PDB file of N, CA and C in Angstrom:
ATOM      1  N   UNK A   1      76.495  78.498  57.828  1.00  0.00           N
ATOM      2  CA  UNK A   1      77.660  79.006  58.544  1.00  0.00           C
ATOM      3  C   UNK A   1      78.813  78.034  58.407  1.00  0.00           C
ATOM      4  N   UNK A   2      79.980  78.599  58.409  1.00  0.00           N
ATOM      5  CA  UNK A   2      81.157  77.749  58.279  1.00  0.00           C
ATOM      6  C   UNK A   2      81.544  77.190  59.636  1.00  0.00           C
ATOM      7  N   UNK A   3      82.408  76.210  59.609  1.00  0.00           N
ATOM      8  CA  UNK A   3      82.858  75.570  60.855  1.00  0.00           C
ATOM      9  C   UNK A   3      83.607  76.555  61.743  1.00  0.00           C
ATOM     10  N   UNK A   4      84.410  77.432  61.118  1.00  0.00           N
ATOM     11  CA  UNK A   4      85.173  78.408  61.905  1.00  0.00           C
ATOM     12  C   UNK A   4      84.254  79.399  62.604  1.00  0.00           C
ATOM     13  N   UNK A   5      83.252  79.874  61.922  1.00  0.00           N
ATOM     14  CA  UNK A   5      82.355  80.841  62.549  1.00  0.00           C
ATOM     15  C   UNK A   5      81.562  80.187  63.668  1.00  0.00           C
ATOM     16  N   UNK A   6      81.182  78.931  63.525  1.00  0.00           N
ATOM     17  CA  UNK A   6      80.483  78.219  64.596  1.00  0.00           C
ATOM     18  C   UNK A   6      81.420  78.030  65.787  1.00  0.00           C
ATOM     19  N   UNK A   7      82.667  77.660  65.509  1.00  0.00           N
ATOM     20  CA  UNK A   7      83.657  77.470  66.576  1.00  0.00           C
ATOM     21  C   UNK A   7      83.944  78.786  67.289  1.00  0.00           C
ATOM     22  N   UNK A   8      84.052  79.863  66.512  1.00  0.00           N
ATOM     23  CA  UNK A   8      84.285  81.186  67.108  1.00  0.00           C
ATOM     24  C   UNK A   8      83.110  81.616  67.972  1.00  0.00           C
ATOM     25  N   UNK A   9      81.907  81.351  67.483  1.00  0.00           N
ATOM     26  CA  UNK A   9      80.718  81.720  68.239  1.00  0.00           C
ATOM     27  C   UNK A   9      80.661  80.933  69.552  1.00  0.00           C
ATOM     28  N   UNK A  10      80.967  79.657  69.497  1.00  0.00           N
ATOM     29  CA  UNK A  10      80.972  78.832  70.712  1.00  0.00           C
ATOM     30  C   UNK A  10      82.056  79.301  71.686  1.00  0.00           C
ATOM     31  N   UNK A  11      83.202  79.636  71.113  1.00  0.00           N
ATOM     32  CA  UNK A  11      84.311  80.122  71.948  1.00  0.00           C
ATOM     33  C   UNK A  11      83.925  81.432  72.651  1.00  0.00           C
ATOM     34  N   UNK A  12      83.291  82.355  71.894  1.00  0.00           N
ATOM     35  CA  UNK A  12      82.853  83.615  72.486  1.00  0.00           C
ATOM     36  C   UNK A  12      81.795  83.393  73.559  1.00  0.00           C
ATOM     37  N   UNK A  13      80.909  82.451  73.349  1.00  0.00           N
ATOM     38  CA  UNK A  13      79.879  82.145  74.337  1.00  0.00           C
ATOM     39  C   UNK A  13      80.504  81.600  75.623  1.00  0.00           C
ATOM     40  N   UNK A  14      81.495  80.738  75.485  1.00  0.00           N
ATOM     41  CA  UNK A  14      82.179  80.183  76.655  1.00  0.00           C
ATOM     42  C   UNK A  14      82.904  81.283  77.427  1.00  0.00           C
ATOM     43  N   UNK A  15      83.582  82.168  76.696  1.00  0.00           N
ATOM     44  CA  UNK A  15      84.263  83.284  77.350  1.00  0.00           C
ATOM     45  C   UNK A  15      83.268  84.182  78.062  1.00  0.00           C
ATOM     46  N   UNK A  16      82.148  84.441  77.437  1.00  0.00           N
ATOM     47  CA  UNK A  16      81.115  85.277  78.034  1.00  0.00           C
ATOM     48  C   UNK A  16      80.567  84.616  79.300  1.00  0.00           C
ATOM     49  N   UNK A  17      80.349  83.318  79.247  1.00  0.00           N
ATOM     50  CA  UNK A  17      79.857  82.594  80.419  1.00  0.00           C
ATOM     51  C   UNK A  17      80.872  82.643  81.559  1.00  0.00           C
ATOM     52  N   UNK A  18      82.148  82.482  81.224  1.00  0.00           N
ATOM     53  CA  UNK A  18      83.194  82.545  82.248  1.00  0.00           C
ATOM     54  C   UNK A  18      83.245  83.930  82.886  1.00  0.00           C
ATOM     55  N   UNK A  19      83.138  84.976  82.058  1.00  0.00           N
ATOM     56  CA  UNK A  19      83.138  86.343  82.580  1.00  0.00           C
ATOM     57  C   UNK A  19      81.951  86.580  83.509  1.00  0.00           C
ATOM     58  N   UNK A  20      80.788  86.118  83.078  1.00  0.00           N
ATOM     59  CA  UNK A  20      79.583  86.290  83.893  1.00  0.00           C
ATOM     60  C   UNK A  20      79.736  85.569  85.239  1.00  0.00           C
ATOM     61  N   UNK A  21      80.291  84.362  85.210  1.00  0.00           N
ATOM     62  CA  UNK A  21      80.488  83.613  86.446  1.00  0.00           C
ATOM     63  C   UNK A  21      81.472  84.335  87.360  1.00  0.00           C
ATOM     64  N   UNK A  22      82.540  84.854  86.770  1.00  0.00           N
ATOM     65  CA  UNK A  22      83.540  85.583  87.545  1.00  0.00           C
ATOM     66  C   UNK A  22      82.948  86.852  88.147  1.00  0.00           C
ATOM     67  N   UNK A  23      82.184  87.592  87.358  1.00  0.00           N
ATOM     68  CA  UNK A  23      81.564  88.818  87.860  1.00  0.00           C
ATOM     69  C   UNK A  23      80.555  88.522  88.964  1.00  0.00           C
ATOM     70  N   UNK A  24      79.785  87.475  88.822  1.00  0.00           N
ATOM     71  CA  UNK A  24      78.805  87.159  89.865  1.00  0.00           C
ATOM     72  C   UNK A  24      79.504  86.729  91.146  1.00  0.00           C
ATOM     73  N   UNK A  25      80.596  85.968  91.049  1.00  0.00           N
ATOM     74  CA  UNK A  25      81.328  85.579  92.259  1.00  0.00           C
ATOM     75  C   UNK A  25      82.002  86.798  92.898  1.00  0.00           C
ATOM     76  N   UNK A  26      82.465  87.731  92.073  1.00  0.00           N
ATOM     77  CA  UNK A  26      83.065  88.950  92.591  1.00  0.00           C
ATOM     78  C   UNK A  26      82.033  89.796  93.330  1.00  0.00           C
ATOM     79  N   UNK A  27      80.824  89.872  92.807  1.00  0.00           N
ATOM     80  CA  UNK A  27      79.756  90.617  93.482  1.00  0.00           C
ATOM     81  C   UNK A  27      79.439  90.003  94.838  1.00  0.00           C
ATOM     82  N   UNK A  28      79.433  88.692  94.924  1.00  0.00           N
ATOM     83  CA  UNK A  28      79.169  88.016  96.193  1.00  0.00           C
ATOM     84  C   UNK A  28      80.269  88.339  97.193  1.00  0.00           C
ATOM     85  N   UNK A  29      81.503  88.296  96.749  1.00  0.00           N
ATOM     86  CA  UNK A  29      82.636  88.597  97.627  1.00  0.00           C
ATOM     87  C   UNK A  29      82.559  90.039  98.114  1.00  0.00           C
ATOM     88  N   UNK A  30      82.248  90.959  97.236  1.00  0.00           N
ATOM     89  CA  UNK A  30      82.158  92.367  97.622  1.00  0.00           C
ATOM     90  C   UNK A  30      81.018  92.608  98.603  1.00  0.00           C
ATOM     91  N   UNK A  31      79.928  91.884  98.459  1.00  0.00           N
ATOM     92  CA  UNK A  31      78.811  92.036  99.390  1.00  0.00           C
ATOM     93  C   UNK A  31      79.174  91.495 100.761  1.00  0.00           C
ATOM     94  N   UNK A  32      79.950  90.419 100.810  1.00  0.00           N
ATOM     95  CA  UNK A  32      80.341  89.813 102.083  1.00  0.00           C
ATOM     96  C   UNK A  32      81.490  90.543 102.758  1.00  0.00           C
ATOM     97  N   UNK A  33      82.151  91.420 102.041  1.00  0.00           N
ATOM     98  CA  UNK A  33      83.325  92.105 102.568  1.00  0.00           C
ATOM     99  C   UNK A  33      82.924  93.153 103.601  1.00  0.00           C
ATOM    100  N   UNK A  34      83.562  93.096 104.762  1.00  0.00           N
ATOM    101  CA  UNK A  34      83.306  94.072 105.823  1.00  0.00           C
ATOM    102  C   UNK A  34      84.295  95.214 105.665  1.00  0.00           C
ATOM    103  N   UNK A  35      83.803  96.374 105.309  1.00  0.00           N
ATOM    104  CA  UNK A  35      84.668  97.518 105.026  1.00  0.00           C
ATOM    105  C   UNK A  35      85.413  97.975 106.276  1.00  0.00           C
ATOM    106  N   UNK A  36      84.812  97.798 107.444  1.00  0.00           N
ATOM    107  CA  UNK A  36      85.471  98.252 108.670  1.00  0.00           C
ATOM    108  C   UNK A  36      86.759  97.461 108.934  1.00  0.00           C
ATOM    109  N   UNK A  37      86.838  96.237 108.414  1.00  0.00           N
ATOM    110  CA  UNK A  37      88.062  95.464 108.615  1.00  0.00           C
ATOM    111  C   UNK A  37      89.201  95.981 107.743  1.00  0.00           C
ATOM    112  N   UNK A  38      88.862  96.764 106.739  1.00  0.00           N
ATOM    113  CA  UNK A  38      89.892  97.324 105.857  1.00  0.00           C
ATOM    114  C   UNK A  38      90.460  98.637 106.380  1.00  0.00           C
ATOM    115  N   UNK A  39      89.831  99.183 107.403  1.00  0.00           N
ATOM    116  CA  UNK A  39      90.299 100.458 107.947  1.00  0.00           C
ATOM    117  C   UNK A  39      91.703 100.285 108.512  1.00  0.00           C
ATOM    118  N   UNK A  40      92.578 101.216 108.232  1.00  0.00           N
ATOM    119  CA  UNK A  40      93.951 101.092 108.736  1.00  0.00           C
ATOM    120  C   UNK A  40      94.008 101.276 110.246  1.00  0.00           C
ATOM    121  N   UNK A  41      94.992 100.661 110.838  1.00  0.00           N
ATOM    122  CA  UNK A  41      95.205 100.838 112.273  1.00  0.00           C
ATOM    123  C   UNK A  41      95.730 102.241 112.529  1.00  0.00           C
ATOM    124  N   UNK A  42      95.682 102.619 113.778  1.00  0.00           N
ATOM    125  CA  UNK A  42      96.234 103.927 114.116  1.00  0.00           C
ATOM    126  C   UNK A  42      97.728 103.895 113.785  1.00  0.00           C
ATOM    127  N   UNK A  43      98.280 105.029 113.379  1.00  0.00           N
ATOM    128  CA  UNK A  43      99.671 105.052 112.937  1.00  0.00           C
ATOM    129  C   UNK A  43     100.682 104.638 114.009  1.00  0.00           C
ATOM    130  N   UNK A  44     100.315 104.786 115.273  1.00  0.00           N
ATOM    131  CA  UNK A  44     101.287 104.495 116.322  1.00  0.00           C
ATOM    132  C   UNK A  44     100.992 103.198 117.077  1.00  0.00           C
ATOM    133  N   UNK A  45     100.211 102.293 116.500  1.00  0.00           N
ATOM    134  CA  UNK A  45      99.841 101.072 117.216  1.00  0.00           C
ATOM    135  C   UNK A  45     101.055 100.220 117.530  1.00  0.00           C
ATOM    136  N   UNK A  46     102.022 100.156 116.627  1.00  0.00           N
ATOM    137  CA  UNK A  46     103.206  99.330 116.874  1.00  0.00           C
ATOM    138  C   UNK A  46     104.092  99.943 117.950  1.00  0.00           C
ATOM    139  N   UNK A  47     104.146 101.263 118.017  1.00  0.00           N
ATOM    140  CA  UNK A  47     104.938 101.912 119.064  1.00  0.00           C
ATOM    141  C   UNK A  47     104.335 101.634 120.430  1.00  0.00           C
ATOM    142  N   UNK A  48     103.005 101.724 120.514  1.00  0.00           N
ATOM    143  CA  UNK A  48     102.337 101.446 121.785  1.00  0.00           C
ATOM    144  C   UNK A  48     102.579 100.002 122.209  1.00  0.00           C
ATOM    145  N   UNK A  49     102.536  99.083 121.264  1.00  0.00           N
ATOM    146  CA  UNK A  49     102.767  97.680 121.568  1.00  0.00           C
ATOM    147  C   UNK A  49     104.189  97.471 122.095  1.00  0.00           C
ATOM    148  N   UNK A  50     105.157  98.088 121.463  1.00  0.00           N
ATOM    149  CA  UNK A  50     106.553  97.908 121.850  1.00  0.00           C
ATOM    150  C   UNK A  50     106.872  98.551 123.200  1.00  0.00           C
ATOM    151  N   UNK A  51     106.189  99.637 123.508  1.00  0.00           N
ATOM    152  CA  UNK A  51     106.488 100.378 124.727  1.00  0.00           C
ATOM    153  C   UNK A  51     105.700  99.847 125.928  1.00  0.00           C
ATOM    154  N   UNK A  52     104.665  99.066 125.690  1.00  0.00           N
ATOM    155  CA  UNK A  52     103.783  98.613 126.778  1.00  0.00           C
ATOM    156  C   UNK A  52     104.546  97.872 127.868  1.00  0.00           C
ATOM    157  N   UNK A  53     105.441  96.959 127.494  1.00  0.00           N
ATOM    158  CA  UNK A  53     106.199  96.200 128.500  1.00  0.00           C
ATOM    159  C   UNK A  53     107.099  97.118 129.322  1.00  0.00           C
ATOM    160  N   UNK A  54     107.712  98.064 128.656  1.00  0.00           N
ATOM    161  CA  UNK A  54     108.593  98.993 129.360  1.00  0.00           C
ATOM    162  C   UNK A  54     107.796  99.861 130.329  1.00  0.00           C
ATOM    163  N   UNK A  55     106.605 100.272 129.904  1.00  0.00           N
ATOM    164  CA  UNK A  55     105.764 101.085 130.781  1.00  0.00           C
ATOM    165  C   UNK A  55     105.299 100.297 132.005  1.00  0.00           C
ATOM    166  N   UNK A  56     105.000  99.011 131.816  1.00  0.00           N
ATOM    167  CA  UNK A  56     104.600  98.184 132.952  1.00  0.00           C
ATOM    168  C   UNK A  56     105.748  98.084 133.959  1.00  0.00           C
ATOM    169  N   UNK A  57     106.939  97.848 133.462  1.00  0.00           N
ATOM    170  CA  UNK A  57     108.113  97.746 134.330  1.00  0.00           C
ATOM    171  C   UNK A  57     108.363  99.076 135.045  1.00  0.00           C
ATOM    172  N   UNK A  58     108.212 100.178 134.324  1.00  0.00           N
ATOM    173  CA  UNK A  58     108.401 101.496 134.918  1.00  0.00           C
ATOM    174  C   UNK A  58     107.357 101.760 136.002  1.00  0.00           C
ATOM    175  N   UNK A  59     106.111 101.348 135.744  1.00  0.00           N
ATOM    176  CA  UNK A  59     105.053 101.535 136.737  1.00  0.00           C
ATOM    177  C   UNK A  59     105.378 100.752 138.016  1.00  0.00           C
ATOM    178  N   UNK A  60     105.855  99.527 137.885  1.00  0.00           N
ATOM    179  CA  UNK A  60     106.231  98.742 139.073  1.00  0.00           C
ATOM    180  C   UNK A  60     107.363  99.416 139.843  1.00  0.00           C
ATOM    181  N   UNK A  61     108.351  99.911 139.115  1.00  0.00           N
ATOM    182  CA  UNK A  61     109.470 100.600 139.773  1.00  0.00           C
ATOM    183  C   UNK A  61     108.995 101.871 140.477  1.00  0.00           C
ATOM    184  N   UNK A  62     108.070 102.596 139.842  1.00  0.00           N
ATOM    185  CA  UNK A  62     107.535 103.811 140.444  1.00  0.00           C
ATOM    186  C   UNK A  62     106.808 103.488 141.742  1.00  0.00           C
ATOM    187  N   UNK A  63     105.972 102.469 141.717  1.00  0.00           N
ATOM    188  CA  UNK A  63     105.250 102.072 142.925  1.00  0.00           C
ATOM    189  C   UNK A  63     106.207 101.642 144.028  1.00  0.00           C
ATOM    190  N   UNK A  64     107.266 100.941 143.657  1.00  0.00           N
ATOM    191  CA  UNK A  64     108.261 100.508 144.640  1.00  0.00           C
ATOM    192  C   UNK A  64     108.970 101.722 145.236  1.00  0.00           C
ATOM    193  N   UNK A  65     109.311 102.693 144.406  1.00  0.00           N
ATOM    194  CA  UNK A  65     109.985 103.900 144.892  1.00  0.00           C
ATOM    195  C   UNK A  65     109.079 104.694 145.826  1.00  0.00           C
ATOM    196  N   UNK A  66     107.805 104.788 145.502  1.00  0.00           N
ATOM    197  CA  UNK A  66     106.863 105.487 146.377  1.00  0.00           C
ATOM    198  C   UNK A  66     106.782 104.789 147.729  1.00  0.00           C
ATOM    199  N   UNK A  67     106.704 103.468 147.705  1.00  0.00           N
ATOM    200  CA  UNK A  67     106.639 102.704 148.962  1.00  0.00           C
ATOM    201  C   UNK A  67     107.903 102.914 149.795  1.00  0.00           C
ATOM    202  N   UNK A  68     109.065 102.941 149.153  1.00  0.00           N
ATOM    203  CA  UNK A  68     110.320 103.175 149.870  1.00  0.00           C
ATOM    204  C   UNK A  68     110.350 104.561 150.497  1.00  0.00           C
ATOM    205  N   UNK A  69     109.867 105.566 149.775  1.00  0.00           N
ATOM    206  CA  UNK A  69     109.818 106.920 150.332  1.00  0.00           C
ATOM    207  C   UNK A  69     108.908 106.982 151.552  1.00  0.00           C
ATOM    208  N   UNK A  70     107.791 106.305 151.465  1.00  0.00           N
ATOM    209  CA  UNK A  70     106.879 106.286 152.615  1.00  0.00           C
ATOM    210  C   UNK A  70     107.555 105.624 153.805  1.00  0.00           C
ATOM    211  N   UNK A  71     108.239 104.509 153.590  1.00  0.00           N
ATOM    212  CA  UNK A  71     108.925 103.824 154.693  1.00  0.00           C
ATOM    213  C   UNK A  71     110.025 104.694 155.296  1.00  0.00           C
ATOM    214  N   UNK A  72     110.752 105.392 154.436  1.00  0.00           N
ATOM    215  CA  UNK A  72     111.815 106.273 154.935  1.00  0.00           C
ATOM    216  C   UNK A  72     111.236 107.385 155.814  1.00  0.00           C
ATOM    217  N   UNK A  73     110.147 107.970 155.385  1.00  0.00           N
ATOM    218  CA  UNK A  73     109.536 109.041 156.180  1.00  0.00           C
ATOM    219  C   UNK A  73     108.973 108.504 157.491  1.00  0.00           C
ATOM    220  N   UNK A  74     108.453 107.285 157.452  1.00  0.00           N
ATOM    221  CA  UNK A  74     107.963 106.673 158.684  1.00  0.00           C
ATOM    222  C   UNK A  74     109.105 106.434 159.672  1.00  0.00           C
ATOM    223  N   UNK A  75     110.250 106.019 159.171  1.00  0.00           N
ATOM    224  CA  UNK A  75     111.412 105.768 160.019  1.00  0.00           C
ATOM    225  C   UNK A  75     111.873 107.050 160.709  1.00  0.00           C
ATOM    226  N   UNK A  76     111.747 108.163 160.025  1.00  0.00           N
ATOM    227  CA  UNK A  76     112.211 109.433 160.576  1.00  0.00           C
ATOM    228  C   UNK A  76     111.149 110.139 161.406  1.00  0.00           C
ATOM    229  N   UNK A  77     110.015 109.504 161.634  1.00  0.00           N
ATOM    230  CA  UNK A  77     109.005 110.065 162.518  1.00  0.00           C
ATOM    231  C   UNK A  77     108.084 111.076 161.892  1.00  0.00           C
ATOM    232  N   UNK A  78     107.899 111.046 160.613  1.00  0.00           N
ATOM    233  CA  UNK A  78     106.988 111.992 159.969  1.00  0.00           C
ATOM    234  C   UNK A  78     105.613 111.350 159.783  1.00  0.00           C
ATOM    235  N   UNK A  79     105.052 110.832 160.855  1.00  0.00           N
ATOM    236  CA  UNK A  79     103.757 110.164 160.766  1.00  0.00           C
ATOM    237  C   UNK A  79     102.640 111.134 160.391  1.00  0.00           C
ATOM    238  N   UNK A  80     102.821 112.419 160.711  1.00  0.00           N
ATOM    239  CA  UNK A  80     101.797 113.407 160.381  1.00  0.00           C
ATOM    240  C   UNK A  80     101.567 113.486 158.874  1.00  0.00           C
ATOM    241  N   UNK A  81     102.635 113.308 158.123  1.00  0.00           N
ATOM    242  CA  UNK A  81     102.534 113.420 156.670  1.00  0.00           C
ATOM    243  C   UNK A  81     102.097 112.115 156.010  1.00  0.00           C
ATOM    244  N   UNK A  82     102.010 111.029 156.780  1.00  0.00           N
ATOM    245  CA  UNK A  82     101.675 109.730 156.211  1.00  0.00           C
ATOM    246  C   UNK A  82     100.303 109.760 155.537  1.00  0.00           C
ATOM    247  N   UNK A  83      99.309 110.295 156.232  1.00  0.00           N
ATOM    248  CA  UNK A  83      97.964 110.352 155.650  1.00  0.00           C
ATOM    249  C   UNK A  83      97.936 111.148 154.368  1.00  0.00           C
ATOM    250  N   UNK A  84      98.640 112.259 154.344  1.00  0.00           N
ATOM    251  CA  UNK A  84      98.680 113.097 153.140  1.00  0.00           C
ATOM    252  C   UNK A  84      99.370 112.364 151.994  1.00  0.00           C
ATOM    253  N   UNK A  85     100.447 111.653 152.312  1.00  0.00           N
ATOM    254  CA  UNK A  85     101.167 110.918 151.260  1.00  0.00           C
ATOM    255  C   UNK A  85     100.311 109.806 150.685  1.00  0.00           C
ATOM    256  N   UNK A  86      99.600 109.077 151.544  1.00  0.00           N
ATOM    257  CA  UNK A  86      98.757 107.984 151.065  1.00  0.00           C
ATOM    258  C   UNK A  86      97.639 108.529 150.191  1.00  0.00           C
ATOM    259  N   UNK A  87      97.023 109.609 150.630  1.00  0.00           N
ATOM    260  CA  UNK A  87      95.948 110.221 149.853  1.00  0.00           C
ATOM    261  C   UNK A  87      96.468 110.707 148.506  1.00  0.00           C
ATOM    262  N   UNK A  88      97.634 111.337 148.511  1.00  0.00           N
ATOM    263  CA  UNK A  88      98.217 111.835 147.277  1.00  0.00           C
ATOM    264  C   UNK A  88      98.529 110.682 146.320  1.00  0.00           C
ATOM    265  N   UNK A  89      99.060 109.586 146.857  1.00  0.00           N
ATOM    266  CA  UNK A  89      99.389 108.428 146.033  1.00  0.00           C
ATOM    267  C   UNK A  89      98.126 107.826 145.437  1.00  0.00           C
ATOM    268  N   UNK A  90      97.068 107.722 146.223  1.00  0.00           N
ATOM    269  CA  UNK A  90      95.815 107.164 145.718  1.00  0.00           C
ATOM    270  C   UNK A  90      95.232 108.031 144.611  1.00  0.00           C
ATOM    271  N   UNK A  91      95.328 109.359 144.776  1.00  0.00           N
ATOM    272  CA  UNK A  91      94.807 110.245 143.741  1.00  0.00           C
ATOM    273  C   UNK A  91      95.631 110.130 142.463  1.00  0.00           C
ATOM    274  N   UNK A  92      96.926 109.982 142.596  1.00  0.00           N
ATOM    275  CA  UNK A  92      97.788 109.816 141.429  1.00  0.00           C
ATOM    276  C   UNK A  92      97.430 108.549 140.662  1.00  0.00           C
ATOM    277  N   UNK A  93      97.238 107.460 141.415  1.00  0.00           N
ATOM    278  CA  UNK A  93      96.899 106.204 140.773  1.00  0.00           C
ATOM    279  C   UNK A  93      95.547 106.286 140.078  1.00  0.00           C
ATOM    280  N   UNK A  94      94.594 106.959 140.697  1.00  0.00           N
ATOM    281  CA  UNK A  94      93.266 107.111 140.087  1.00  0.00           C
ATOM    282  C   UNK A  94      93.353 107.975 138.828  1.00  0.00           C
ATOM    283  N   UNK A  95      94.183 108.997 138.825  1.00  0.00           N
ATOM    284  CA  UNK A  95      94.332 109.860 137.658  1.00  0.00           C
ATOM    285  C   UNK A  95      95.003 109.133 136.508  1.00  0.00           C
ATOM    286  N   UNK A  96      95.934 108.225 136.826  1.00  0.00           N
ATOM    287  CA  UNK A  96      96.640 107.484 135.776  1.00  0.00           C
ATOM    288  C   UNK A  96      95.723 106.501 135.064  1.00  0.00           C
ATOM    289  N   UNK A  97      94.740 105.985 135.775  1.00  0.00           N
ATOM    290  CA  UNK A  97      93.812 105.009 135.156  1.00  0.00           C
ATOM    291  C   UNK A  97      92.882 105.752 134.246  1.00  0.00           C
TER     292      UNK A  97
END
């Protein structure tokens, strides 16, 4: 065999070894890969994140407004309706959760 053919054969063997090493490392990576982590997030996850603070603030304002309405009715002597209002408010809060 000539020197060139020996050099070419050695070069091809080295390339083949490199390919085999790359393929075996790729197989290991693919086996370790958790497919569930590749699943896309829900399409509206960023909207929910952005709106969460506003919803918390709105919920606090709503609770404050309900408390003010109860106090106003108490001032005007509507104690009969107090129990009904408290029960209604508790049911609303339970439904929201």
